[in-house]
Protein backbone atom coordinates (compact mmCIF):
# COMPACT_ATOMS: atom_id res chain seq x y z
CA MET A 1 96.85 72.43 103.88
CA LEU A 2 95.46 73.42 107.13
CA GLN A 3 98.86 74.19 108.27
CA ARG A 4 100.14 76.26 105.51
CA SER A 5 96.77 78.49 105.66
CA PHE A 6 97.48 79.23 109.53
CA LEU A 7 101.10 80.15 108.75
CA VAL A 8 99.66 82.50 105.65
CA SER A 9 96.91 84.01 108.54
CA LEU A 10 99.85 84.57 110.84
CA ALA A 11 101.95 86.24 107.90
CA LEU A 12 99.09 88.60 107.24
CA CYS A 13 98.79 89.01 110.96
CA LEU A 14 102.10 90.30 110.96
CA MET A 15 102.21 92.56 108.10
CA VAL A 16 99.29 94.59 109.31
CA HIS A 17 101.10 95.27 112.34
CA PHE A 18 104.38 95.85 110.16
CA SER A 19 102.35 98.39 108.11
CA ALA A 20 102.29 100.67 111.05
CA TYR A 21 106.29 101.09 110.66
CA ALA A 22 106.70 101.14 106.97
CA SER A 23 107.90 103.86 104.93
CA PRO A 24 107.93 106.55 107.88
CA LYS A 25 107.70 109.76 106.82
CA LYS A 26 109.62 112.68 109.01
CA ASN A 27 107.26 115.38 110.21
CA ASP A 28 107.91 118.69 108.95
CA PRO A 29 107.54 121.46 111.37
CA LYS A 30 106.77 124.24 109.14
CA LYS A 31 103.93 122.05 107.40
CA ASP A 32 101.18 120.06 109.70
CA PRO A 33 98.70 118.18 107.84
CA PRO A 34 95.02 119.83 108.08
CA GLY A 35 93.31 119.77 111.02
CA ARG A 36 96.49 117.76 112.78
CA LYS A 37 96.33 118.54 116.25
CA PRO A 38 99.64 120.70 117.22
CA LEU A 39 102.63 118.51 119.42
CA GLY A 40 101.87 119.66 122.95
CA LEU A 41 104.96 120.16 125.40
CA GLN A 42 103.70 117.65 127.77
CA VAL A 43 105.10 113.96 128.16
CA ILE A 44 102.99 111.58 125.92
CA GLU A 45 101.30 108.86 127.27
CA LEU A 46 101.72 105.52 125.28
CA THR A 47 98.84 102.63 125.38
CA SER A 48 99.01 98.93 123.64
CA LEU A 49 96.55 100.58 121.41
CA ASN A 50 98.39 103.72 120.20
CA PHE A 51 102.02 102.23 120.77
CA ALA A 52 102.74 100.85 117.03
CA ALA A 53 101.12 103.99 115.61
CA SER A 54 103.11 106.11 117.24
CA VAL A 55 106.63 105.06 117.67
CA GLY A 56 106.10 104.31 113.54
CA ASP A 57 106.15 107.89 112.81
CA GLY A 58 109.68 108.29 111.94
CA ASN A 59 110.99 110.09 114.93
CA VAL A 60 113.26 108.95 117.85
CA TRP A 61 111.07 108.05 120.90
CA LEU A 62 112.47 108.58 124.91
CA ILE A 63 110.01 106.02 126.72
CA GLU A 64 109.97 105.82 130.34
CA PHE A 65 108.55 103.03 132.17
CA TYR A 66 107.08 103.93 135.60
CA THR A 67 104.29 103.34 138.33
CA PRO A 68 102.40 105.85 140.02
CA MET A 69 103.55 104.54 143.24
CA CYS A 70 107.12 104.64 142.55
CA HIS A 71 108.79 107.09 144.77
CA HIS A 72 111.95 107.67 142.12
CA CYS A 73 109.27 108.02 139.25
CA LYS A 74 107.74 111.08 141.53
CA ASN A 75 110.79 112.25 142.10
CA PHE A 76 112.20 112.59 138.78
CA SER A 77 108.77 113.43 136.99
CA PRO A 78 109.54 117.16 137.17
CA GLN A 79 112.72 116.47 135.24
CA TYR A 80 111.49 114.20 132.49
CA ALA A 81 108.45 116.93 132.16
CA ASN A 82 111.30 119.42 131.26
CA ILE A 83 113.20 117.05 128.82
CA ALA A 84 109.62 116.50 127.05
CA ALA A 85 109.05 120.44 126.81
CA SER A 86 112.75 121.04 125.58
CA PHE A 87 112.12 118.48 122.84
CA HIS A 88 108.67 119.15 121.94
CA SER A 89 109.18 122.53 121.43
CA SER A 90 112.32 122.11 119.16
CA PRO A 91 110.42 119.92 116.50
CA HIS A 92 113.33 119.80 113.98
CA GLU A 93 115.47 117.50 116.31
CA ASN A 94 112.72 114.71 115.51
CA VAL A 95 112.20 113.84 119.13
CA ARG A 96 109.41 112.48 121.05
CA VAL A 97 109.14 112.05 124.62
CA ALA A 98 106.63 109.18 126.05
CA LYS A 99 106.16 107.31 129.26
CA VAL A 100 104.26 103.81 129.95
CA ASP A 101 102.56 103.04 132.97
CA CYS A 102 103.34 99.47 133.85
CA THR A 103 100.89 98.88 136.26
CA SER A 104 97.93 99.26 133.22
CA GLU A 105 100.03 98.57 130.58
CA ARG A 106 101.32 94.92 131.63
CA ALA A 107 101.78 93.77 128.12
CA LEU A 108 104.18 96.78 126.97
CA SER A 109 105.86 96.02 130.26
CA ARG A 110 106.46 92.40 129.47
CA ARG A 111 107.43 93.39 126.00
CA PHE A 112 110.27 95.32 126.78
CA ASP A 113 111.03 93.12 129.92
CA ILE A 114 110.96 95.62 132.51
CA THR A 115 112.20 94.38 135.91
CA SER A 116 112.69 97.92 137.55
CA VAL A 117 111.12 101.50 137.30
CA PRO A 118 111.72 103.76 136.33
CA SER A 119 113.73 102.43 133.23
CA PHE A 120 113.97 104.32 130.02
CA PHE A 121 114.42 103.27 126.22
CA VAL A 122 115.30 104.65 123.13
CA VAL A 123 113.50 103.65 119.85
CA ALA A 124 114.72 104.54 116.62
CA GLY A 125 113.12 102.94 114.00
CA TRP A 126 113.35 98.91 114.41
CA SER A 127 116.45 99.40 117.17
CA VAL A 128 116.03 100.02 120.70
CA TYR A 129 118.25 101.01 123.24
CA LYS A 130 118.21 100.76 127.05
CA PHE A 131 119.60 103.51 129.11
CA LYS A 132 122.09 102.50 131.50
CA ASP A 133 123.67 105.75 132.86
CA ASP A 134 122.99 107.43 136.02
CA ARG A 135 119.23 108.99 135.74
CA SER A 136 119.45 112.64 134.94
CA GLU A 137 117.89 115.28 133.06
CA THR A 138 121.26 116.39 130.96
CA ASN A 139 122.37 112.45 130.60
CA LEU A 140 119.09 111.36 129.33
CA MET A 141 118.91 114.36 126.82
CA ASN A 142 122.62 113.39 125.54
CA PHE A 143 121.61 109.69 125.16
CA VAL A 144 118.82 110.75 122.80
CA ARG A 145 120.84 113.12 121.05
CA GLY A 146 123.14 110.73 120.06
CA GLY A 147 124.61 108.84 122.93
CA TYR A 148 122.56 105.80 122.26
CA LYS A 149 124.54 105.44 118.90
CA LYS A 150 127.56 104.96 121.02
CA GLN A 151 125.98 101.07 122.23
CA GLU A 152 124.69 98.32 120.76
CA PRO A 153 120.77 97.96 120.41
CA ILE A 154 119.08 95.01 121.92
CA PRO A 155 119.50 92.07 119.54
CA PHE A 156 116.62 91.92 116.82
CA LEU A 157 115.28 88.77 118.16
CA ALA A 158 114.96 89.53 121.54
CA SER A 159 114.05 93.03 120.84
CA PRO A 160 110.59 94.65 121.53
CA MET A 161 110.47 95.68 117.72
CA GLY A 162 111.48 92.37 117.00
CA PRO A 163 109.29 89.54 115.24
CA MET A 164 108.25 88.43 118.63
CA GLY A 165 107.37 91.62 119.95
CA LEU A 166 105.59 92.50 117.11
CA LEU A 167 103.52 89.26 117.31
CA GLN A 168 102.85 90.03 121.00
CA GLY A 169 101.82 93.35 120.38
CA THR A 170 99.63 92.51 117.41
CA LEU A 171 97.83 89.83 119.59
CA VAL A 172 97.72 92.33 122.35
CA TYR A 173 95.81 94.72 119.76
CA ILE A 174 93.31 92.01 118.73
CA GLY A 175 92.68 90.97 122.35
CA THR A 176 91.69 94.71 122.90
CA ARG A 177 89.24 94.85 119.98
CA LEU A 178 87.75 91.89 120.83
CA VAL A 179 87.27 92.80 124.23
CA GLY A 180 85.39 96.19 122.85
CA MET A 181 83.66 94.17 120.67
CA LEU A 182 82.28 92.09 123.73
CA GLU A 183 81.49 95.23 125.43
CA TRP A 184 79.72 96.59 122.45
CA VAL A 185 77.73 93.59 121.95
CA GLN A 186 76.45 93.83 125.39
CA ALA A 187 75.50 97.18 125.27
CA SER A 188 73.63 97.48 122.21
CA SER A 189 71.79 94.17 122.83
CA GLY A 190 71.48 93.83 126.58
CA VAL A 191 72.60 89.98 126.59
CA SER A 192 74.61 88.72 129.16
CA PRO A 193 78.48 88.79 129.12
CA VAL A 194 78.53 84.87 128.30
CA LEU A 195 76.10 84.91 125.40
CA ALA A 196 77.88 87.98 123.82
CA ALA A 197 81.25 85.64 124.16
CA VAL A 198 79.41 83.06 122.17
CA ILE A 199 78.51 85.50 119.72
CA ILE A 200 81.79 87.06 119.11
CA CYS A 201 83.54 83.64 119.17
CA GLY A 202 80.52 82.06 116.41
CA LEU A 203 81.28 85.37 114.33
CA GLY A 204 85.09 84.45 114.80
CA ILE A 205 84.86 81.35 113.90
CA PHE A 206 82.55 81.84 110.53
CA GLY A 207 85.26 84.40 109.69
CA GLY A 208 88.36 82.40 110.52
CA MET A 209 86.75 79.62 108.48
CA VAL A 210 85.83 81.77 105.44
CA SER A 211 89.49 83.31 105.53
CA ILE A 212 90.85 79.77 105.55
CA VAL A 213 89.00 78.84 102.18
CA LEU A 214 90.12 82.29 100.50
CA ILE A 215 93.60 81.59 101.46
CA THR A 216 93.42 77.89 100.50
CA ILE A 217 91.89 79.06 97.14
CA LEU A 218 94.33 81.79 96.49
CA THR A 219 97.24 79.91 97.20
CA ALA A 220 96.23 76.37 95.84
CA PRO A 221 99.09 75.45 92.79
CA LYS A 222 97.58 75.76 89.43
CA ALA A 223 97.31 73.03 86.83
CA LYS A 224 99.75 73.48 84.15
CA ASN A 225 98.13 73.31 80.70
CA ASP A 226 100.00 71.07 78.33
């Protein structure tokens, strides 16, 4: 019973993450929602917190993985900024240009199996394509504009958007939220980090027990009436 409850809980956890990608809608450049901030021309900074909501918006995403100290990353930065300005000033192309700092976003770096920088990927829905051509402004733009369709995407099971990638992203999201809760408890109550962690763990255990009880009740087989 506990094993089944754990699997159901894990499935619910993945469903929360999948919901960020479900039924993506294309952005209409002529009709932005009220209060929505217009898309800037600069490169978008992606983090573990905004990754799922960002790449699940229905656009094609060009993502650079870089480090601030990388000489090649620095040299290519002006050209990459030009690519972002070009696509972001043409909303009808439905392309977003982003970057991930590998030094501060190690979870995303591991998720995409980054072994060298700069590395470039195209994320189109559930499919991920790695850019393997010579690094240039023209080559990257051609790749995003359809060149990626000429090669096979990363196999789904090994893909950053596959089950393991999504599970890792969910765990990172939960972890960052727990760290935020820990800092909030410390700041609001003035307790030590150890006591704050104990309080959060206690609440987590209580919430987990309540969830298991509810899931067990909801998934328990019903007796058939003769």
